[in-house]
C-alpha atoms as a PDB file:
ATOM      1  CA  MET A   1     -26.349  27.589  14.190  1.00  0.00           C
ATOM      2  CA  GLN A   2     -27.839  29.415  17.162  1.00  0.00           C
ATOM      3  CA  LYS A   3     -26.749  33.005  17.666  1.00  0.00           C
ATOM      4  CA  LEU A   4     -24.465  33.844  20.613  1.00  0.00           C
ATOM      5  CA  PHE A   5     -24.368  36.702  23.094  1.00  0.00           C
ATOM      6  CA  ASN A   6     -21.633  37.932  25.432  1.00  0.00           C
ATOM      7  CA  ILE A   7     -21.812  37.347  29.187  1.00  0.00           C
ATOM      8  CA  ASN A   8     -19.803  38.884  32.045  1.00  0.00           C
ATOM      9  CA  ILE A   9     -20.253  37.893  35.682  1.00  0.00           C
ATOM     10  CA  ILE A  10     -18.641  40.490  37.933  1.00  0.00           C
ATOM     11  CA  THR A  11     -18.116  40.569  41.711  1.00  0.00           C
ATOM     12  CA  PRO A  12     -16.544  43.339  43.792  1.00  0.00           C
ATOM     13  CA  THR A  13     -13.197  41.547  43.296  1.00  0.00           C
ATOM     14  CA  GLY A  14     -13.398  41.547  39.481  1.00  0.00           C
ATOM     15  CA  VAL A  15     -14.623  39.607  36.443  1.00  0.00           C
ATOM     16  CA  GLN A  16     -15.328  35.997  37.434  1.00  0.00           C
ATOM     17  CA  PHE A  17     -16.616  34.700  34.104  1.00  0.00           C
ATOM     18  CA  HIS A  18     -16.468  36.094  30.587  1.00  0.00           C
ATOM     19  CA  GLY A  19     -17.536  34.311  27.430  1.00  0.00           C
ATOM     20  CA  ASN A  20     -20.065  33.745  24.680  1.00  0.00           C
ATOM     21  CA  ALA A  21     -23.263  31.835  25.349  1.00  0.00           C
ATOM     22  CA  HIS A  22     -26.281  30.398  23.569  1.00  0.00           C
ATOM     23  CA  SER A  23     -28.411  30.822  26.700  1.00  0.00           C
ATOM     24  CA  ALA A  24     -28.302  31.790  30.357  1.00  0.00           C
ATOM     25  CA  SER A  25     -30.988  30.727  32.852  1.00  0.00           C
ATOM     26  CA  LEU A  26     -31.524  31.843  36.443  1.00  0.00           C
ATOM     27  CA  HIS A  27     -34.173  32.808  38.989  1.00  0.00           C
ATOM     28  CA  THR A  28     -34.873  36.505  39.524  1.00  0.00           C
ATOM     29  CA  HIS A  29     -37.263  38.309  41.868  1.00  0.00           C
ATOM     30  CA  SER A  30     -39.802  38.177  39.023  1.00  0.00           C
ATOM     31  CA  GLY A  31     -39.371  34.437  38.431  1.00  0.00           C
ATOM     32  CA  ALA A  32     -37.301  32.104  36.275  1.00  0.00           C
ATOM     33  CA  ILE A  33     -35.770  33.615  33.153  1.00  0.00           C
ATOM     34  CA  THR A  34     -33.846  32.264  30.185  1.00  0.00           C
ATOM     35  CA  LEU A  35     -31.948  34.772  28.075  1.00  0.00           C
ATOM     36  CA  LEU A  36     -31.121  34.123  24.428  1.00  0.00           C
ATOM     37  CA  ALA A  37     -29.413  36.275  21.805  1.00  0.00           C
ATOM     38  CA  ASP A  38     -31.493  39.298  20.746  1.00  0.00           C
ATOM     39  CA  HIS A  39     -33.519  39.258  23.980  1.00  0.00           C
ATOM     40  CA  GLU A  40     -35.314  42.503  24.811  1.00  0.00           C
ATOM     41  CA  LYS A  41     -33.500  44.926  27.108  1.00  0.00           C
ATOM     42  CA  ILE A  42     -33.980  43.940  30.725  1.00  0.00           C
ATOM     43  CA  ILE A  43     -32.724  44.869  34.174  1.00  0.00           C
ATOM     44  CA  SER A  44     -33.582  42.580  37.077  1.00  0.00           C
ATOM     45  CA  VAL A  45     -32.466  41.763  40.612  1.00  0.00           C
ATOM     46  CA  PHE A  46     -31.966  38.326  42.129  1.00  0.00           C
ATOM     47  CA  ASN A  47     -31.196  36.562  45.403  1.00  0.00           C
ATOM     48  CA  PRO A  48     -28.598  33.767  45.685  1.00  0.00           C
ATOM     49  CA  THR A  49     -29.257  31.286  42.887  1.00  0.00           C
ATOM     50  CA  ASN A  50     -27.621  29.121  40.248  1.00  0.00           C
ATOM     51  CA  ILE A  51     -27.062  30.419  36.738  1.00  0.00           C
ATOM     52  CA  ASN A  52     -26.870  27.858  33.929  1.00  0.00           C
ATOM     53  CA  VAL A  53     -24.859  29.012  30.933  1.00  0.00           C
ATOM     54  CA  ILE A  54     -24.863  27.034  27.677  1.00  0.00           C
ATOM     55  CA  THR A  55     -21.770  27.655  25.536  1.00  0.00           C
ATOM     56  CA  ASP A  56     -20.595  26.010  22.317  1.00  0.00           C
ATOM     57  CA  ASP A  57     -18.732  23.325  24.235  1.00  0.00           C
ATOM     58  CA  ALA A  58     -20.416  22.899  27.638  1.00  0.00           C
ATOM     59  CA  LYS A  59     -23.170  23.614  30.117  1.00  0.00           C
ATOM     60  CA  LYS A  60     -21.653  25.613  32.966  1.00  0.00           C
ATOM     61  CA  THR A  61     -23.381  26.112  36.299  1.00  0.00           C
ATOM     62  CA  PHE A  62     -22.343  28.841  38.719  1.00  0.00           C
ATOM     63  CA  ALA A  63     -23.680  29.727  42.156  1.00  0.00           C
ATOM     64  CA  ILE A  64     -24.092  33.474  42.510  1.00  0.00           C
ATOM     65  CA  GLY A  65     -25.103  35.663  45.418  1.00  0.00           C
ATOM     66  CA  LYS A  66     -27.603  38.485  45.346  1.00  0.00           C
ATOM     67  CA  GLY A  67     -27.202  41.081  42.660  1.00  0.00           C
ATOM     68  CA  VAL A  68     -28.486  42.679  39.500  1.00  0.00           C
ATOM     69  CA  LEU A  69     -28.409  41.755  35.819  1.00  0.00           C
ATOM     70  CA  LYS A  70     -28.688  43.801  32.674  1.00  0.00           C
ATOM     71  CA  PHE A  71     -29.201  42.474  29.146  1.00  0.00           C
ATOM     72  CA  SER A  72     -28.849  44.917  26.259  1.00  0.00           C
ATOM     73  CA  GLY A  73     -27.381  44.661  22.771  1.00  0.00           C
ATOM     74  CA  ASN A  74     -26.512  40.973  23.123  1.00  0.00           C
ATOM     75  CA  GLN A  75     -24.470  41.752  26.237  1.00  0.00           C
ATOM     76  CA  LEU A  76     -25.425  40.198  29.591  1.00  0.00           C
ATOM     77  CA  SER A  77     -23.792  41.841  32.605  1.00  0.00           C
ATOM     78  CA  ILE A  78     -24.307  40.299  36.010  1.00  0.00           C
ATOM     79  CA  LEU A  79     -23.147  42.183  39.103  1.00  0.00           C
ATOM     80  CA  THR A  80     -23.176  39.935  42.157  1.00  0.00           C
ATOM     81  CA  ASP A  81     -21.650  39.804  45.615  1.00  0.00           C
ATOM     82  CA  PHE A  82     -20.611  36.126  45.354  1.00  0.00           C
ATOM     83  CA  PHE A  83     -19.525  33.651  42.669  1.00  0.00           C
ATOM     84  CA  VAL A  84     -18.439  30.004  42.722  1.00  0.00           C
ATOM     85  CA  GLN A  85     -18.441  27.110  40.262  1.00  0.00           C
ATOM     86  CA  SER A  86     -21.484  25.030  41.175  1.00  0.00           C
ATOM     87  CA  TYR A  87     -22.769  21.544  40.645  1.00  0.00           C
ATOM     88  CA  ALA A  88     -26.499  22.301  40.765  1.00  0.00           C
ATOM     89  CA  ALA A  89     -27.011  21.744  44.491  1.00  0.00           C
ATOM     90  CA  PRO A  90     -30.535  22.256  45.859  1.00  0.00           C
ATOM     91  CA  ALA A  91     -31.414  25.923  46.439  1.00  0.00           C
ATOM     92  CA  ALA A  92     -31.514  25.689  50.259  1.00  0.00           C
ATOM     93  CA  LEU A  93     -28.068  24.067  50.325  1.00  0.00           C
ATOM     94  CA  ARG A  94     -26.655  26.681  47.945  1.00  0.00           C
ATOM     95  CA  LYS A  95     -27.912  29.515  50.145  1.00  0.00           C
ATOM     96  CA  ASN A  96     -26.465  27.870  53.264  1.00  0.00           C
ATOM     97  CA  GLU A  97     -23.097  27.252  51.588  1.00  0.00           C
ATOM     98  CA  ILE A  98     -22.943  30.829  50.289  1.00  0.00           C
ATOM     99  CA  ASN A  99     -23.730  32.189  53.748  1.00  0.00           C
ATOM    100  CA  LYS A 100     -21.069  29.933  55.324  1.00  0.00           C
ATOM    101  CA  VAL A 101     -18.400  31.074  52.865  1.00  0.00           C
ATOM    102  CA  LEU A 102     -19.312  34.726  53.338  1.00  0.00           C
ATOM    103  CA  LYS A 103     -19.099  34.373  57.136  1.00  0.00           C
ATOM    104  CA  LEU A 104     -15.893  32.302  57.121  1.00  0.00           C
ATOM    105  CA  ASN A 105     -14.093  34.667  54.798  1.00  0.00           C
ATOM    106  CA  MET A 106     -15.669  37.716  56.417  1.00  0.00           C
ATOM    107  CA  ILE A 107     -16.240  39.119  52.959  1.00  0.00           C
ATOM    108  CA  GLU A 108     -17.273  42.707  53.116  1.00  0.00           C
ATOM    109  CA  VAL A 109     -19.257  43.758  50.107  1.00  0.00           C
ATOM    110  CA  ASN A 110     -19.207  47.391  49.101  1.00  0.00           C
ATOM    111  CA  TYR A 111     -22.790  47.829  47.959  1.00  0.00           C
ATOM    112  CA  ASP A 112     -22.089  51.470  47.102  1.00  0.00           C
ATOM    113  CA  ASN A 113     -19.847  50.270  44.250  1.00  0.00           C
ATOM    114  CA  ILE A 114     -22.537  47.863  43.052  1.00  0.00           C
ATOM    115  CA  ASP A 115     -25.114  50.667  43.189  1.00  0.00           C
ATOM    116  CA  ILE A 116     -22.812  53.002  41.227  1.00  0.00           C
ATOM    117  CA  LYS A 117     -22.272  50.322  38.557  1.00  0.00           C
ATOM    118  CA  LEU A 118     -26.026  49.690  38.388  1.00  0.00           C
ATOM    119  CA  GLN A 119     -26.701  53.416  37.910  1.00  0.00           C
ATOM    120  CA  GLU A 120     -24.066  53.549  35.147  1.00  0.00           C
ATOM    121  CA  GLU A 121     -25.680  50.594  33.377  1.00  0.00           C
ATOM    122  CA  ILE A 122     -29.165  52.126  33.706  1.00  0.00           C
ATOM    123  CA  SER A 123     -27.931  55.392  32.195  1.00  0.00           C
ATOM    124  CA  LYS A 124     -26.455  53.441  29.261  1.00  0.00           C
ATOM    125  CA  LEU A 125     -29.865  51.872  28.611  1.00  0.00           C
ATOM    126  CA  LYS A 126     -31.413  55.330  28.388  1.00  0.00           C
ATOM    127  CA  ASP A 127     -28.975  56.334  25.625  1.00  0.00           C
END
């Protein structure tokens, strides 16, 4: 059986998804990436995209806003400013829908908190 890793998707309002996964795939600034258990340590940033998560019982797709990810020690942490269950809409539509929701709800994102969390995660990698 394929090895699992832990995944947490976190927004400024809290943990949006937590579970074990066989794989997680998304587009980052560096290109498409698929993470599997025992992946090398990585920190990357991304713009609004879909993330596909394969668990024991399902393939889950989430739309996420811009943010940062860190994979270390079979733990994937994703800090993002937006999260919603998705149904694999085309990228342009996803970005438009995310922007509409952000404007309609007038969501204010505290990027200082995201930056502080990123710095904490980077310091953990150095240990």
